[in-house]
Protein backbone atom coordinates (compact mmCIF):
# COMPACT_ATOMS: atom_id res chain seq x y z
CA MET A 1 -37.54 11.93 8.19
CA ARG A 2 -35.09 10.44 5.69
CA HIS A 3 -35.05 6.65 5.89
CA GLY A 4 -32.77 5.65 3.04
CA GLY A 5 -31.23 6.96 -0.17
CA ASP A 6 -34.57 7.82 -1.74
CA GLU A 7 -36.92 6.84 1.07
CA PHE A 8 -38.60 9.14 3.56
CA ILE A 9 -40.90 8.57 6.51
CA ILE A 10 -43.91 10.80 7.10
CA LEU A 11 -45.88 10.33 10.30
CA TYR A 12 -49.47 11.49 10.66
CA ASN A 13 -51.16 11.74 14.02
CA ASP A 14 -54.89 11.58 14.75
CA VAL A 15 -56.14 10.66 11.27
CA THR A 16 -58.61 8.00 10.23
CA LYS A 17 -57.55 5.25 7.85
CA GLU A 18 -59.69 6.86 5.13
CA ARG A 19 -58.02 10.25 5.65
CA PHE A 20 -54.59 8.58 5.69
CA SER A 21 -55.37 6.96 2.33
CA GLU A 22 -56.48 10.34 0.96
CA LYS A 23 -53.20 11.91 2.09
CA LEU A 24 -51.15 9.19 0.38
CA GLU A 25 -53.17 9.59 -2.81
CA ALA A 26 -52.62 13.37 -2.67
CA ILE A 27 -48.85 12.87 -2.39
CA VAL A 28 -48.80 10.59 -5.45
CA LYS A 29 -51.01 12.99 -7.42
CA GLY A 30 -49.02 16.05 -6.34
CA VAL A 31 -45.74 14.57 -7.54
CA ARG A 32 -47.36 13.43 -10.79
CA GLU A 33 -48.55 17.00 -11.47
CA ILE A 34 -45.11 18.62 -11.04
CA ARG A 35 -44.04 20.21 -14.33
CA PHE A 36 -40.78 21.80 -15.45
CA PRO A 37 -41.19 24.62 -18.01
CA ASP A 38 -37.83 23.89 -19.65
CA LEU A 39 -38.50 20.14 -19.79
CA PRO A 40 -42.11 19.73 -20.95
CA ASP A 41 -41.74 15.98 -21.53
CA MET A 42 -40.31 15.33 -18.06
CA LYS A 43 -42.73 13.50 -15.78
CA LEU A 44 -42.16 12.52 -12.18
CA SER A 45 -43.68 9.63 -10.32
CA ILE A 46 -43.51 8.30 -6.80
CA SER A 47 -44.24 4.97 -5.15
CA VAL A 48 -45.54 5.06 -1.59
CA GLY A 49 -45.92 2.35 1.03
CA GLY A 50 -48.11 3.20 3.99
CA GLU A 51 -48.85 1.49 7.27
CA TYR A 52 -51.81 2.48 9.46
CA TYR A 53 -52.34 1.77 13.15
CA GLU A 54 -55.40 2.92 15.05
CA ASN A 55 -53.57 3.32 18.38
CA PRO A 56 -49.86 2.81 17.80
CA ASP A 57 -47.51 2.02 20.62
CA GLN A 58 -43.99 3.41 20.42
CA SER A 59 -42.64 -0.14 20.59
CA LEU A 60 -44.37 -0.82 17.26
CA TYR A 61 -42.26 1.76 15.42
CA TYR A 62 -39.81 -0.77 13.94
CA ASN A 63 -42.64 -3.01 12.73
CA MET A 64 -44.48 -0.03 11.25
CA VAL A 65 -41.41 1.01 9.27
CA ARG A 66 -40.71 -2.56 8.14
CA ARG A 67 -44.31 -3.09 6.97
CA ALA A 68 -44.43 0.29 5.21
CA ASP A 69 -41.16 -0.60 3.48
CA GLU A 70 -42.62 -3.93 2.30
CA LYS A 71 -45.63 -2.07 0.91
CA LEU A 72 -43.36 0.43 -0.82
CA TYR A 73 -41.75 -2.42 -2.74
CA ARG A 74 -45.19 -3.87 -3.55
CA ALA A 75 -46.13 -0.45 -4.95
CA LYS A 76 -42.98 -0.37 -7.08
CA GLU A 77 -43.60 -3.92 -8.33
CA GLY A 78 -47.19 -2.97 -9.17
CA GLY A 79 -46.15 -0.42 -11.75
CA ARG A 80 -44.90 2.57 -9.75
CA ASP A 81 -46.71 5.92 -9.51
CA ARG A 82 -49.09 4.52 -6.90
CA PHE A 83 -49.48 3.78 -3.23
CA VAL A 84 -50.14 0.59 -1.31
CA LEU A 85 -51.76 0.78 2.12
C-alpha cells in the first residue's frame, strides 16, 4: 500500500521476528542488485523501517505505521541502503 510520495507499507502475516528481518534484508539486497544494461554505473538503494508485533491488534495499526516511519528515518540517517527493525 502506498503511504507517501516514496513510501510504501508491506504487511506480513504469520511470520516470526527472525523471518521478518530476513524479508526486510532481502528487499534491501534485491533493490541493491537491480542493474540497468544501458546505465552500468547506475545503482539503486532503499531504506526500510520495519515494525514487528507478535499478536497485533487492529487498533495498533496507527502506532505500527508511526513507529515504522520513525525507523525508516533512522535507516536513512544511518547511511541509507539498510533497514532498521
